[in-house]
Every structure is written in structure tokens, then in C-alpha cells.
Amino acid sequence: MTAEATLRWAYDTFARVAIVASFQAESSVIIDIASKIRADLRVLTLDTGRLPRETHEMLDRVRDRYRIEVEVVKPDAAEVDQMVAAHGGHLFYRAVEMRRLCCDVRKSRPLARVLSGYDAWVTGLRREQAATRANTQVVAPDPDHNGITKIAPLASWSKAEVWDYIRRHELPYHSLYDHGYTSIGCAPCTRPTAAGEDERAGRWWWEQNEVKECGLHWSGSARG
């Protein structure tokens, strides 16, 4: 199915559908397509407490254009305080295990809590983005979130197709793309990429030969 047909099917099939947006390029496309299907979109975003200013600005631009509410999901403050007290505020630079702990507390746990109220969630994953995402299915049960349905309507899209859609429809997009970023996460953990580098090379760039995933979509198994 096309991305539009996939989203129509999702809204026809499930009573409670959440678009989980990072406000990267794929989020712009998904929200635009979904907005043409129904007005009462449920859009969630994770505010880790370490996002760049430009991500918050992008969130506001999307709210203004589509006149939709965006639910901002934050980590549990007590869990963050406990982690920082035990390991410091920049623990992610010290070891891969510490980086994964930080992602778990600030991203994975909050997402799991909020998705417990939904039947399906929509993500901007594309197979082309990384080897860990090469087997991404358009529709699949999500064992990491109590078996609710995970939907990736852009799974087969290329980066070029995403940006062609953005330009053709004059969509708002994250301003850091204009400064050499090709994947955008938390400010301390993301940098611009150089010509020829992998799309996600700017994520946790100080790590060598490690999986460039935070745990939201990959938990160490072979699945996409």
C-alpha cells in the first residue's frame, strides 16, 4: 500500500492511533499525509530534556501549521535524578552501557508508559536509514509495547522521496538539516555528518562499531 493507504487503513482499523514524532523529515511527511485523512490527529513527541532548541521550534511550527495538539511526553523526573546522581549528567560519553541507560530512562520508558493507552503507533522508520532497520515491516505487532501494532508507512521510501515530498508540498522541516545534520536526536549526542558518511553517523559519533540505535526501535535482536 501507499503511505496514504496505510494510514487510512490504520485509522479505519484501530480506535486509538498515535503518531510518534521526532520532528525529523519523516515526521513532517507523516503528519502532512495524516492531516488530510482526519482532523483529530493524536501526535506524541518525546522531550528528553536534552533536545536542541531547534527541535522545540519545529514542534511549534507544526502546531501552528496544522492546528493540532502535540502531547509532549517527558521522562520520570525521579528516574532522571537517580540516574544523574549515580552516574553524572554526561554518562553517555563514558560507556555504551551508560548511553543506553540514558536513552532508556529518557526515551524508552516514557514511550512505553504513554503507548499503553493506544492500540497502534505510527513511526517514521525507513529501511534505508540503517542496517538495523533494513527489515522494517510496514505493519507488525510490537512485542516491546505489549503487542500493539507498529506502523511504518514510509518503510520503503528513500531519503530522496522524503525530501521530494517536503519540497513539493512546502512542508516545515527541522532547521538543523540546513546545517549538515542528517539525523537529529538529543543535542549532546548528535553532530552534522560529512559527505559520504552514513545517515546516522552523527548519532553517538564517539562510539566505535556500535549500533546507532537508542532502544526505541531496536533492542539487540535481529529484527528491524
N, C-alpha and C. Protein backbone atom coordinates (compact mmCIF):
# COMPACT_ATOMS: atom_id res chain seq x y z
N MET A 1 0.83 -1.20 0.00
CA MET A 1 0.00 0.00 0.00
C MET A 1 0.86 1.24 0.00
N THR A 2 0.32 2.32 -0.50
CA THR A 2 0.99 3.60 -0.39
C THR A 2 0.98 4.07 1.06
N ALA A 3 1.77 5.09 1.36
CA ALA A 3 1.78 5.62 2.72
C ALA A 3 0.40 6.13 3.10
N GLU A 4 -0.27 6.80 2.18
CA GLU A 4 -1.62 7.30 2.47
C GLU A 4 -2.59 6.15 2.72
N ALA A 5 -2.53 5.13 1.90
CA ALA A 5 -3.42 3.98 2.08
C ALA A 5 -3.14 3.27 3.41
N THR A 6 -1.88 3.19 3.76
CA THR A 6 -1.51 2.55 5.03
C THR A 6 -2.10 3.32 6.21
N LEU A 7 -2.00 4.64 6.17
CA LEU A 7 -2.54 5.45 7.26
C LEU A 7 -4.06 5.39 7.28
N ARG A 8 -4.70 5.40 6.13
CA ARG A 8 -6.16 5.27 6.10
C ARG A 8 -6.58 3.94 6.73
N TRP A 9 -5.87 2.88 6.36
CA TRP A 9 -6.17 1.57 6.94
C TRP A 9 -6.01 1.59 8.45
N ALA A 10 -4.95 2.23 8.93
CA ALA A 10 -4.69 2.29 10.37
C ALA A 10 -5.83 2.99 11.10
N TYR A 11 -6.27 4.12 10.58
CA TYR A 11 -7.34 4.86 11.25
C TYR A 11 -8.68 4.15 11.13
N ASP A 12 -8.88 3.39 10.07
CA ASP A 12 -10.11 2.62 9.93
C ASP A 12 -10.12 1.38 10.82
N THR A 13 -8.93 0.88 11.14
CA THR A 13 -8.81 -0.39 11.85
C THR A 13 -8.73 -0.23 13.36
N PHE A 14 -8.06 0.80 13.83
CA PHE A 14 -7.79 0.97 15.25
C PHE A 14 -8.48 2.22 15.80
N ALA A 15 -9.00 2.09 17.01
CA ALA A 15 -9.69 3.23 17.63
C ALA A 15 -8.70 4.26 18.16
N ARG A 16 -7.56 3.80 18.65
CA ARG A 16 -6.60 4.71 19.28
C ARG A 16 -5.25 4.58 18.58
N VAL A 17 -4.95 5.57 17.74
CA VAL A 17 -3.71 5.57 16.96
C VAL A 17 -2.90 6.80 17.33
N ALA A 18 -1.63 6.61 17.62
CA ALA A 18 -0.74 7.73 17.95
C ALA A 18 0.38 7.82 16.92
N ILE A 19 0.60 9.02 16.39
CA ILE A 19 1.79 9.29 15.60
C ILE A 19 2.87 9.73 16.58
N VAL A 20 3.98 9.01 16.61
CA VAL A 20 5.09 9.38 17.49
C VAL A 20 6.11 10.11 16.64
N ALA A 21 6.24 11.41 16.87
CA ALA A 21 7.04 12.27 16.01
C ALA A 21 8.31 12.72 16.70
N SER A 22 9.42 12.65 15.98
CA SER A 22 10.69 13.21 16.45
C SER A 22 10.93 14.58 15.81
N PHE A 23 10.05 14.95 14.87
CA PHE A 23 10.14 16.19 14.10
C PHE A 23 11.36 16.24 13.20
N GLN A 24 11.79 15.04 12.78
CA GLN A 24 12.72 14.94 11.68
C GLN A 24 11.90 14.92 10.38
N ALA A 25 12.57 14.75 9.25
CA ALA A 25 11.91 14.89 7.96
C ALA A 25 10.74 13.93 7.79
N GLU A 26 10.91 12.70 8.27
CA GLU A 26 9.85 11.71 8.11
C GLU A 26 8.59 12.11 8.87
N SER A 27 8.76 12.73 10.03
CA SER A 27 7.61 13.20 10.80
C SER A 27 6.82 14.23 10.02
N SER A 28 7.52 15.14 9.33
CA SER A 28 6.84 16.15 8.53
C SER A 28 5.93 15.50 7.49
N VAL A 29 6.43 14.48 6.82
CA VAL A 29 5.67 13.80 5.77
C VAL A 29 4.47 13.08 6.36
N ILE A 30 4.69 12.31 7.42
CA ILE A 30 3.60 11.52 8.01
C ILE A 30 2.49 12.42 8.53
N ILE A 31 2.84 13.47 9.25
CA ILE A 31 1.81 14.36 9.79
C ILE A 31 1.03 15.03 8.68
N ASP A 32 1.71 15.42 7.60
CA ASP A 32 1.01 16.06 6.49
C ASP A 32 0.03 15.09 5.84
N ILE A 33 0.46 13.87 5.57
CA ILE A 33 -0.44 12.89 4.95
C ILE A 33 -1.61 12.59 5.88
N ALA A 34 -1.32 12.38 7.16
CA ALA A 34 -2.38 12.04 8.11
C ALA A 34 -3.38 13.17 8.28
N SER A 35 -2.91 14.42 8.20
CA SER A 35 -3.79 15.57 8.37
C SER A 35 -4.84 15.66 7.27
N LYS A 36 -4.57 15.03 6.13
CA LYS A 36 -5.51 15.04 5.02
C LYS A 36 -6.52 13.91 5.14
N ILE A 37 -6.28 13.02 6.09
CA ILE A 37 -7.19 11.90 6.32
C ILE A 37 -8.17 12.20 7.43
N ARG A 38 -7.68 12.83 8.50
CA ARG A 38 -8.56 13.18 9.60
C ARG A 38 -8.02 14.37 10.37
N ALA A 39 -8.91 15.09 11.00
CA ALA A 39 -8.53 16.31 11.70
C ALA A 39 -8.06 16.06 13.13
N ASP A 40 -8.58 15.00 13.74
CA ASP A 40 -8.29 14.76 15.17
C ASP A 40 -7.06 13.87 15.35
N LEU A 41 -5.93 14.32 14.83
CA LEU A 41 -4.70 13.55 14.95
C LEU A 41 -4.23 13.52 16.40
N ARG A 42 -3.70 12.37 16.81
CA ARG A 42 -3.01 12.29 18.09
C ARG A 42 -1.52 12.18 17.80
N VAL A 43 -0.80 13.22 18.10
CA VAL A 43 0.64 13.26 17.86
C VAL A 43 1.35 13.36 19.20
N LEU A 44 2.31 12.46 19.41
CA LEU A 44 3.12 12.44 20.62
C LEU A 44 4.56 12.74 20.27
N THR A 45 5.27 13.37 21.17
CA THR A 45 6.71 13.54 20.98
C THR A 45 7.41 13.39 22.31
N LEU A 46 8.63 12.87 22.28
CA LEU A 46 9.41 12.66 23.49
C LEU A 46 10.33 13.85 23.73
N ASP A 47 10.18 14.48 24.87
CA ASP A 47 11.09 15.55 25.27
C ASP A 47 12.03 14.99 26.33
N THR A 48 13.21 14.66 25.91
CA THR A 48 14.18 14.00 26.80
C THR A 48 14.78 14.94 27.83
N GLY A 49 14.58 16.24 27.65
CA GLY A 49 15.25 17.22 28.48
C GLY A 49 16.59 17.64 27.93
N ARG A 50 17.00 17.03 26.80
CA ARG A 50 18.29 17.35 26.19
C ARG A 50 18.14 17.69 24.70
N LEU A 51 16.94 18.04 24.27
CA LEU A 51 16.72 18.33 22.86
C LEU A 51 17.30 19.68 22.47
N PRO A 52 17.74 19.83 21.23
CA PRO A 52 18.20 21.14 20.78
C PRO A 52 17.04 22.12 20.69
N ARG A 53 17.36 23.39 20.82
CA ARG A 53 16.34 24.44 20.72
C ARG A 53 15.56 24.33 19.42
N GLU A 54 16.24 23.98 18.34
CA GLU A 54 15.60 23.92 17.04
C GLU A 54 14.48 22.88 16.97
N THR A 55 14.58 21.82 17.78
CA THR A 55 13.51 20.81 17.80
C THR A 55 12.24 21.40 18.41
N HIS A 56 12.38 22.17 19.47
CA HIS A 56 11.21 22.82 20.07
C HIS A 56 10.60 23.83 19.10
N GLU A 57 11.43 24.52 18.36
CA GLU A 57 10.93 25.47 17.36
C GLU A 57 10.16 24.74 16.27
N MET A 58 10.65 23.59 15.85
CA MET A 58 9.97 22.81 14.82
C MET A 58 8.61 22.32 15.33
N LEU A 59 8.55 21.90 16.58
CA LEU A 59 7.30 21.46 17.18
C LEU A 59 6.26 22.58 17.08
N ASP A 60 6.66 23.79 17.43
CA ASP A 60 5.74 24.93 17.38
C ASP A 60 5.28 25.22 15.95
N ARG A 61 6.17 25.08 15.00
CA ARG A 61 5.81 25.33 13.60
C ARG A 61 4.76 24.32 13.12
N VAL A 62 4.90 23.07 13.54
CA VAL A 62 3.92 22.04 13.16
C VAL A 62 2.58 22.33 13.81
N ARG A 63 2.60 22.68 15.09
CA ARG A 63 1.35 23.05 15.78
C ARG A 63 0.63 24.17 15.04
N ASP A 64 1.38 25.19 14.66
CA ASP A 64 0.79 26.36 14.03
C ASP A 64 0.23 26.04 12.64
N ARG A 65 0.95 25.23 11.88
CA ARG A 65 0.50 24.93 10.51
C ARG A 65 -0.75 24.07 10.50
N TYR A 66 -0.77 23.03 11.36
CA TYR A 66 -1.86 22.05 11.29
C TYR A 66 -2.93 22.27 12.35
N ARG A 67 -2.70 23.20 13.26
CA ARG A 67 -3.67 23.48 14.33
C ARG A 67 -4.02 22.21 15.09
N ILE A 68 -2.99 21.49 15.47
CA ILE A 68 -3.18 20.25 16.22
C ILE A 68 -2.47 20.35 17.56
N GLU A 69 -2.94 19.57 18.50
CA GLU A 69 -2.26 19.45 19.78
C GLU A 69 -1.16 18.40 19.64
N VAL A 70 -0.04 18.67 20.24
CA VAL A 70 1.05 17.69 20.29
C VAL A 70 1.31 17.38 21.76
N GLU A 71 1.14 16.14 22.14
CA GLU A 71 1.39 15.75 23.53
C GLU A 71 2.89 15.56 23.73
N VAL A 72 3.45 16.33 24.62
CA VAL A 72 4.88 16.25 24.92
C VAL A 72 5.08 15.31 26.10
N VAL A 73 5.78 14.23 25.85
CA VAL A 73 5.97 13.18 26.85
C VAL A 73 7.37 13.32 27.44
N LYS A 74 7.44 13.43 28.75
CA LYS A 74 8.72 13.64 29.41
C LYS A 74 9.09 12.44 30.28
N PRO A 75 10.37 12.24 30.53
CA PRO A 75 10.79 11.14 31.41
C PRO A 75 10.36 11.41 32.85
N ASP A 76 10.34 10.36 33.63
CA ASP A 76 10.04 10.48 35.05
C ASP A 76 11.17 11.24 35.73
N ALA A 77 10.84 12.35 36.37
CA ALA A 77 11.88 13.21 36.96
C ALA A 77 12.69 12.48 38.02
N ALA A 78 12.03 11.63 38.80
CA ALA A 78 12.75 10.90 39.85
C ALA A 78 13.74 9.91 39.24
N GLU A 79 13.36 9.27 38.13
CA GLU A 79 14.28 8.33 37.47
C GLU A 79 15.48 9.07 36.90
N VAL A 80 15.24 10.24 36.32
CA VAL A 80 16.35 11.03 35.78
C VAL A 80 17.27 11.47 36.91
N ASP A 81 16.71 11.98 38.00
CA ASP A 81 17.53 12.44 39.13
C ASP A 81 18.37 11.31 39.70
N GLN A 82 17.78 10.13 39.81
CA GLN A 82 18.50 8.97 40.35
C GLN A 82 19.66 8.59 39.43
N MET A 83 19.41 8.58 38.13
CA MET A 83 20.45 8.23 37.16
C MET A 83 21.59 9.24 37.20
N VAL A 84 21.26 10.52 37.20
CA VAL A 84 22.29 11.57 37.20
C VAL A 84 23.08 11.54 38.51
N ALA A 85 22.40 11.31 39.62
CA ALA A 85 23.10 11.24 40.91
C ALA A 85 24.09 10.09 40.95
N ALA A 86 23.72 8.99 40.29
CA ALA A 86 24.58 7.80 40.33
C ALA A 86 25.70 7.86 39.30
N HIS A 87 25.44 8.47 38.14
CA HIS A 87 26.39 8.35 37.03
C HIS A 87 26.82 9.69 36.41
N GLY A 88 26.23 10.79 36.84
CA GLY A 88 26.58 12.09 36.28
C GLY A 88 25.69 12.47 35.11
N GLY A 89 25.69 13.76 34.78
CA GLY A 89 24.83 14.26 33.73
C GLY A 89 25.27 13.93 32.32
N HIS A 90 26.54 13.58 32.13
CA HIS A 90 27.05 13.23 30.81
C HIS A 90 27.56 11.79 30.79
N LEU A 91 26.79 10.91 31.40
CA LEU A 91 27.17 9.50 31.50
C LEU A 91 27.31 8.83 30.15
N PHE A 92 26.57 9.32 29.14
CA PHE A 92 26.54 8.69 27.82
C PHE A 92 27.90 8.72 27.12
N TYR A 93 28.78 9.64 27.50
CA TYR A 93 30.10 9.70 26.89
C TYR A 93 31.06 8.64 27.46
N ARG A 94 30.72 8.06 28.59
CA ARG A 94 31.67 7.20 29.31
C ARG A 94 31.68 5.76 28.83
N ALA A 95 30.53 5.24 28.45
CA ALA A 95 30.45 3.84 28.04
C ALA A 95 29.15 3.61 27.29
N VAL A 96 29.15 2.63 26.40
CA VAL A 96 27.94 2.31 25.64
C VAL A 96 26.80 1.96 26.57
N GLU A 97 27.11 1.21 27.63
CA GLU A 97 26.06 0.81 28.58
C GLU A 97 25.44 2.02 29.24
N MET A 98 26.25 3.03 29.53
CA MET A 98 25.73 4.25 30.14
C MET A 98 24.87 5.03 29.14
N ARG A 99 25.28 5.05 27.88
CA ARG A 99 24.47 5.72 26.86
C ARG A 99 23.13 5.04 26.73
N ARG A 100 23.12 3.72 26.73
CA ARG A 100 21.86 3.00 26.60
C ARG A 100 20.97 3.20 27.82
N LEU A 101 21.58 3.31 28.99
CA LEU A 101 20.80 3.59 30.20
C LEU A 101 20.13 4.96 30.08
N CYS A 102 20.88 5.95 29.62
CA CYS A 102 20.33 7.30 29.47
C CYS A 102 19.16 7.29 28.48
N CYS A 103 19.33 6.62 27.35
CA CYS A 103 18.25 6.52 26.37
C CYS A 103 17.05 5.79 26.94
N ASP A 104 17.30 4.77 27.74
CA ASP A 104 16.21 4.00 28.33
C ASP A 104 15.38 4.88 29.26
N VAL A 105 16.06 5.61 30.14
CA VAL A 105 15.36 6.46 31.11
C VAL A 105 14.66 7.63 30.43
N ARG A 106 15.32 8.25 29.48
CA ARG A 106 14.79 9.48 28.89
C ARG A 106 13.86 9.24 27.71
N LYS A 107 13.93 8.05 27.07
CA LYS A 107 13.14 7.83 25.86
C LYS A 107 12.28 6.57 25.93
N SER A 108 12.93 5.42 26.15
CA SER A 108 12.20 4.15 26.03
C SER A 108 11.13 3.99 27.10
N ARG A 109 11.45 4.29 28.35
CA ARG A 109 10.46 4.14 29.42
C ARG A 109 9.29 5.10 29.26
N PRO A 110 9.54 6.39 28.97
CA PRO A 110 8.40 7.28 28.76
C PRO A 110 7.50 6.85 27.60
N LEU A 111 8.12 6.38 26.50
CA LEU A 111 7.32 5.93 25.37
C LEU A 111 6.46 4.73 25.76
N ALA A 112 7.05 3.79 26.48
CA ALA A 112 6.30 2.60 26.90
C ALA A 112 5.10 2.99 27.77
N ARG A 113 5.31 3.95 28.65
CA ARG A 113 4.21 4.37 29.52
C ARG A 113 3.07 4.98 28.72
N VAL A 114 3.40 5.88 27.78
CA VAL A 114 2.33 6.57 27.06
C VAL A 114 1.65 5.67 26.05
N LEU A 115 2.37 4.73 25.44
CA LEU A 115 1.75 3.85 24.45
C LEU A 115 0.82 2.83 25.05
N SER A 116 0.86 2.66 26.35
CA SER A 116 -0.05 1.72 27.00
C SER A 116 -1.51 2.12 26.80
N GLY A 117 -1.76 3.36 26.41
CA GLY A 117 -3.11 3.81 26.17
C GLY A 117 -3.55 3.76 24.73
N TYR A 118 -2.76 3.12 23.86
CA TYR A 118 -3.07 3.11 22.43
C TYR A 118 -3.13 1.69 21.87
N ASP A 119 -3.80 1.57 20.72
CA ASP A 119 -3.89 0.28 20.02
C ASP A 119 -2.82 0.14 18.94
N ALA A 120 -2.32 1.28 18.45
CA ALA A 120 -1.33 1.26 17.37
C ALA A 120 -0.53 2.56 17.41
N TRP A 121 0.72 2.47 16.93
CA TRP A 121 1.51 3.70 16.83
C TRP A 121 2.21 3.77 15.49
N VAL A 122 2.38 5.00 15.02
CA VAL A 122 2.95 5.26 13.70
C VAL A 122 4.33 5.87 13.89
N THR A 123 5.30 5.33 13.17
CA THR A 123 6.68 5.79 13.28
C THR A 123 7.25 6.11 11.90
N GLY A 124 8.29 6.92 11.85
CA GLY A 124 8.90 7.31 10.59
C GLY A 124 10.06 6.45 10.14
N LEU A 125 10.19 5.25 10.66
CA LEU A 125 11.27 4.36 10.26
C LEU A 125 11.29 4.11 8.75
N ARG A 126 12.51 4.09 8.19
CA ARG A 126 12.71 3.71 6.79
C ARG A 126 13.80 2.64 6.73
N ARG A 127 13.65 1.68 5.85
CA ARG A 127 14.62 0.59 5.74
C ARG A 127 15.99 1.10 5.32
N GLU A 128 16.02 2.15 4.55
CA GLU A 128 17.26 2.68 4.00
C GLU A 128 18.12 3.37 5.06
N GLN A 129 17.55 3.71 6.20
CA GLN A 129 18.26 4.51 7.19
C GLN A 129 19.45 3.80 7.82
N ALA A 130 19.34 2.50 8.04
CA ALA A 130 20.41 1.78 8.75
C ALA A 130 20.23 0.29 8.58
N ALA A 131 21.30 -0.46 8.77
CA ALA A 131 21.22 -1.92 8.67
C ALA A 131 20.24 -2.50 9.68
N THR A 132 20.17 -1.88 10.86
CA THR A 132 19.25 -2.36 11.90
C THR A 132 17.79 -2.15 11.51
N ARG A 133 17.55 -1.34 10.47
CA ARG A 133 16.17 -1.04 10.06
C ARG A 133 15.82 -1.66 8.71
N ALA A 134 16.73 -2.44 8.18
CA ALA A 134 16.57 -2.98 6.82
C ALA A 134 15.37 -3.90 6.69
N ASN A 135 14.97 -4.54 7.77
CA ASN A 135 13.85 -5.48 7.73
C ASN A 135 12.57 -4.90 8.29
N THR A 136 12.51 -3.59 8.42
CA THR A 136 11.33 -2.94 8.98
C THR A 136 10.08 -3.29 8.17
N GLN A 137 9.06 -3.76 8.86
CA GLN A 137 7.79 -4.07 8.22
C GLN A 137 6.88 -2.85 8.28
N VAL A 138 6.03 -2.73 7.29
CA VAL A 138 5.09 -1.61 7.28
C VAL A 138 4.09 -1.75 8.44
N VAL A 139 3.64 -2.95 8.68
CA VAL A 139 2.71 -3.23 9.78
C VAL A 139 3.18 -4.48 10.50
N ALA A 140 3.30 -4.40 11.81
CA ALA A 140 3.76 -5.55 12.59
C ALA A 140 3.35 -5.39 14.05
N PRO A 141 3.14 -6.50 14.75
CA PRO A 141 2.94 -6.39 16.19
C PRO A 141 4.23 -5.94 16.86
N ASP A 142 4.11 -5.16 17.92
CA ASP A 142 5.28 -4.62 18.61
C ASP A 142 5.43 -5.30 19.97
N PRO A 143 6.29 -6.31 20.07
CA PRO A 143 6.43 -7.04 21.33
C PRO A 143 7.01 -6.18 22.45
N ASP A 144 7.69 -5.09 22.11
CA ASP A 144 8.26 -4.23 23.14
C ASP A 144 7.22 -3.32 23.79
N HIS A 145 6.02 -3.28 23.19
CA HIS A 145 4.95 -2.43 23.74
C HIS A 145 3.65 -3.22 23.81
N ASN A 146 3.73 -4.35 24.48
CA ASN A 146 2.56 -5.18 24.78
C ASN A 146 1.81 -5.65 23.55
N GLY A 147 2.53 -5.77 22.43
CA GLY A 147 1.93 -6.35 21.24
C GLY A 147 1.03 -5.42 20.46
N ILE A 148 0.98 -4.12 20.79
CA ILE A 148 0.19 -3.21 19.98
C ILE A 148 0.80 -3.14 18.58
N THR A 149 0.07 -2.64 17.64
CA THR A 149 0.54 -2.64 16.25
C THR A 149 1.44 -1.45 15.98
N LYS A 150 2.57 -1.72 15.35
CA LYS A 150 3.54 -0.69 14.98
C LYS A 150 3.46 -0.50 13.47
N ILE A 151 3.31 0.74 13.03
CA ILE A 151 3.07 1.04 11.63
C ILE A 151 4.14 1.99 11.12
N ALA A 152 4.81 1.60 10.04
CA ALA A 152 5.87 2.41 9.43
C ALA A 152 5.49 2.68 7.98
N PRO A 153 4.65 3.67 7.73
CA PRO A 153 4.13 3.88 6.36
C PRO A 153 5.19 4.29 5.35
N LEU A 154 6.34 4.78 5.83
CA LEU A 154 7.41 5.21 4.92
C LEU A 154 8.54 4.17 4.85
N ALA A 155 8.29 2.97 5.29
CA ALA A 155 9.36 1.96 5.38
C ALA A 155 10.12 1.79 4.07
N SER A 156 9.43 1.82 2.95
CA SER A 156 10.09 1.57 1.66
C SER A 156 10.56 2.85 0.98
N TRP A 157 10.34 4.00 1.59
CA TRP A 157 10.72 5.27 0.96
C TRP A 157 12.22 5.49 1.05
N SER A 158 12.75 6.17 0.04
CA SER A 158 14.14 6.60 0.07
C SER A 158 14.22 7.99 0.70
N LYS A 159 15.43 8.38 1.07
CA LYS A 159 15.64 9.74 1.57
C LYS A 159 15.22 10.77 0.53
N ALA A 160 15.53 10.50 -0.73
CA ALA A 160 15.18 11.42 -1.81
C ALA A 160 13.67 11.59 -1.92
N GLU A 161 12.93 10.51 -1.76
CA GLU A 161 11.47 10.59 -1.84
C GLU A 161 10.90 11.43 -0.70
N VAL A 162 11.47 11.28 0.50
CA VAL A 162 11.02 12.07 1.64
C VAL A 162 11.19 13.56 1.36
N TRP A 163 12.38 13.93 0.89
CA TRP A 163 12.66 15.35 0.66
C TRP A 163 11.93 15.88 -0.57
N ASP A 164 11.67 15.04 -1.53
CA ASP A 164 10.86 15.47 -2.67
C ASP A 164 9.45 15.83 -2.21
N TYR A 165 8.90 15.02 -1.32
CA TYR A 165 7.55 15.30 -0.80
C TYR A 165 7.56 16.61 0.00
N ILE A 166 8.57 16.79 0.85
CA ILE A 166 8.66 18.00 1.66
C ILE A 166 8.70 19.25 0.78
N ARG A 167 9.52 19.21 -0.26
CA ARG A 167 9.67 20.38 -1.12
C ARG A 167 8.43 20.61 -1.99
N ARG A 168 7.87 19.51 -2.46
CA ARG A 168 6.70 19.64 -3.33
C ARG A 168 5.50 20.24 -2.60
N HIS A 169 5.37 19.89 -1.33
CA HIS A 169 4.24 20.38 -0.55
C HIS A 169 4.61 21.53 0.38
N GLU A 170 5.85 22.01 0.24
CA GLU A 170 6.34 23.15 1.02
C GLU A 170 6.09 22.96 2.52
N LEU A 171 6.52 21.81 3.02
CA LEU A 171 6.31 21.48 4.43
C LEU A 171 7.38 22.12 5.31
N PRO A 172 7.05 22.40 6.56
CA PRO A 172 8.08 22.81 7.51
C PRO A 172 9.03 21.64 7.76
N TYR A 173 10.30 21.94 7.95
CA TYR A 173 11.26 20.89 8.28
C TYR A 173 12.26 21.42 9.30
N HIS A 174 12.90 20.52 9.97
CA HIS A 174 13.83 20.86 11.05
C HIS A 174 15.00 21.67 10.49
N SER A 175 15.26 22.82 11.11
CA SER A 175 16.28 23.73 10.57
C SER A 175 17.70 23.18 10.64
N LEU A 176 17.97 22.20 11.50
CA LEU A 176 19.33 21.65 11.58
C LEU A 176 19.73 20.90 10.32
N TYR A 177 18.76 20.49 9.50
CA TYR A 177 19.11 19.88 8.22
C TYR A 177 19.90 20.86 7.35
N ASP A 178 19.65 22.13 7.51
CA ASP A 178 20.36 23.13 6.72
C ASP A 178 21.78 23.38 7.24
N HIS A 179 22.15 22.71 8.32
CA HIS A 179 23.47 22.87 8.92
C HIS A 179 24.26 21.56 8.92
N GLY A 180 23.92 20.66 8.01
CA GLY A 180 24.70 19.45 7.82
C GLY A 180 24.25 18.24 8.61
N TYR A 181 23.16 18.35 9.35
CA TYR A 181 22.65 17.19 10.10
C TYR A 181 21.85 16.31 9.17
N THR A 182 21.98 14.99 9.36
CA THR A 182 21.17 14.05 8.58
C THR A 182 20.31 13.16 9.47
N SER A 183 20.54 13.20 10.76
CA SER A 183 19.70 12.52 11.76
C SER A 183 19.82 13.34 13.03
N ILE A 184 18.69 13.60 13.68
CA ILE A 184 18.68 14.58 14.77
C ILE A 184 18.08 13.97 16.02
N GLY A 185 18.87 13.96 17.10
CA GLY A 185 18.39 13.48 18.38
C GLY A 185 18.65 14.49 19.46
N CYS A 186 19.16 14.05 20.60
CA CYS A 186 19.50 14.96 21.69
C CYS A 186 20.72 15.79 21.31
N ALA A 187 20.76 17.01 21.82
CA ALA A 187 21.84 17.93 21.44
C ALA A 187 23.24 17.40 21.75
N PRO A 188 23.50 16.83 22.94
CA PRO A 188 24.87 16.38 23.21
C PRO A 188 25.28 15.14 22.43
N CYS A 189 24.30 14.48 21.80
CA CYS A 189 24.56 13.18 21.19
C CYS A 189 24.45 13.20 19.66
N THR A 190 24.35 14.39 19.08
CA THR A 190 24.17 14.49 17.64
C THR A 190 25.08 15.55 17.06
N ARG A 191 25.68 15.25 15.92
CA ARG A 191 26.50 16.24 15.22
C ARG A 191 26.18 16.17 13.74
N PRO A 192 26.62 17.16 12.96
CA PRO A 192 26.45 17.08 11.50
C PRO A 192 27.27 15.91 10.94
N THR A 193 26.90 15.45 9.78
CA THR A 193 27.66 14.38 9.12
C THR A 193 28.44 14.96 7.95
N ALA A 194 29.51 14.26 7.61
CA ALA A 194 30.34 14.67 6.47
C ALA A 194 29.89 13.95 5.21
N ALA A 195 30.30 14.46 4.07
CA ALA A 195 29.95 13.83 2.79
C ALA A 195 30.41 12.38 2.77
N GLY A 196 29.52 11.49 2.38
CA GLY A 196 29.85 10.07 2.29
C GLY A 196 29.60 9.28 3.55
N GLU A 197 29.32 9.96 4.66
CA GLU A 197 29.04 9.25 5.91
C GLU A 197 27.63 8.68 5.89
N ASP A 198 27.43 7.63 6.68
CA ASP A 198 26.12 7.04 6.85
C ASP A 198 25.16 8.07 7.42
N GLU A 199 23.89 7.91 7.09
CA GLU A 199 22.87 8.87 7.51
C GLU A 199 22.81 9.05 9.02
N ARG A 200 23.11 8.00 9.77
CA ARG A 200 23.04 8.08 11.23
C ARG A 200 24.42 8.16 11.88
N ALA A 201 25.43 8.48 11.10
CA ALA A 201 26.79 8.56 11.63
C ALA A 201 26.96 9.66 12.66
N GLY A 202 26.12 10.67 12.60
CA GLY A 202 26.21 11.76 13.55
C GLY A 202 25.62 11.48 14.90
N ARG A 203 25.01 10.33 15.06
CA ARG A 203 24.44 9.94 16.35
C ARG A 203 25.50 9.18 17.14
N TRP A 204 25.78 9.63 18.37
CA TRP A 204 26.76 8.99 19.26
C TRP A 204 28.06 8.73 18.50
N TRP A 205 28.56 9.77 17.86
CA TRP A 205 29.70 9.65 16.95
C TRP A 205 30.98 9.20 17.63
N TRP A 206 31.08 9.33 18.93
CA TRP A 206 32.30 8.96 19.65
C TRP A 206 32.41 7.45 19.84
N GLU A 207 31.33 6.73 19.59
CA GLU A 207 31.36 5.28 19.74
C GLU A 207 31.91 4.63 18.47
N GLN A 208 32.66 3.57 18.63
CA GLN A 208 33.24 2.86 17.50
C GLN A 208 32.56 1.50 17.32
N ASN A 209 32.07 1.25 16.11
CA ASN A 209 31.48 -0.05 15.75
C ASN A 209 30.32 -0.45 16.66
N GLU A 210 29.53 0.53 17.11
CA GLU A 210 28.36 0.26 17.92
C GLU A 210 27.09 0.53 17.12
N VAL A 211 26.01 -0.11 17.51
CA VAL A 211 24.73 0.06 16.84
C VAL A 211 24.20 1.46 17.12
N LYS A 212 23.84 2.18 16.07
CA LYS A 212 23.37 3.56 16.21
C LYS A 212 21.86 3.57 16.44
N GLU A 213 21.45 2.96 17.52
CA GLU A 213 20.05 2.92 17.92
C GLU A 213 19.94 3.21 19.41
N CYS A 214 18.81 3.82 19.80
CA CYS A 214 18.64 4.19 21.21
C CYS A 214 17.84 3.16 22.00
N GLY A 215 17.15 2.26 21.31
CA GLY A 215 16.33 1.28 22.01
C GLY A 215 14.85 1.43 21.71
N LEU A 216 14.43 2.53 21.10
CA LEU A 216 13.02 2.69 20.75
C LEU A 216 12.60 1.70 19.69
N HIS A 217 13.51 1.38 18.77
CA HIS A 217 13.16 0.51 17.64
C HIS A 217 14.04 -0.73 17.54
N TRP A 218 15.00 -0.85 18.41
CA TRP A 218 15.95 -1.97 18.32
C TRP A 218 16.41 -2.32 19.71
N SER A 219 16.25 -3.58 20.09
CA SER A 219 16.62 -3.99 21.44
C SER A 219 17.71 -5.05 21.45
N GLY A 220 18.46 -5.12 20.35
CA GLY A 220 19.58 -6.06 20.30
C GLY A 220 19.28 -7.32 19.52
N SER A 221 18.05 -7.46 19.06
CA SER A 221 17.71 -8.64 18.26
C SER A 221 17.95 -8.34 16.79
N ALA A 222 17.72 -9.33 15.97
CA ALA A 222 17.96 -9.16 14.53
C ALA A 222 16.80 -8.49 13.82
N ARG A 223 15.69 -8.30 14.49
CA ARG A 223 14.54 -7.73 13.82
C ARG A 223 14.75 -6.24 13.55
N GLY A 224 13.98 -5.74 12.59
CA GLY A 224 14.04 -4.34 12.26
C GLY A 224 13.22 -3.49 13.21
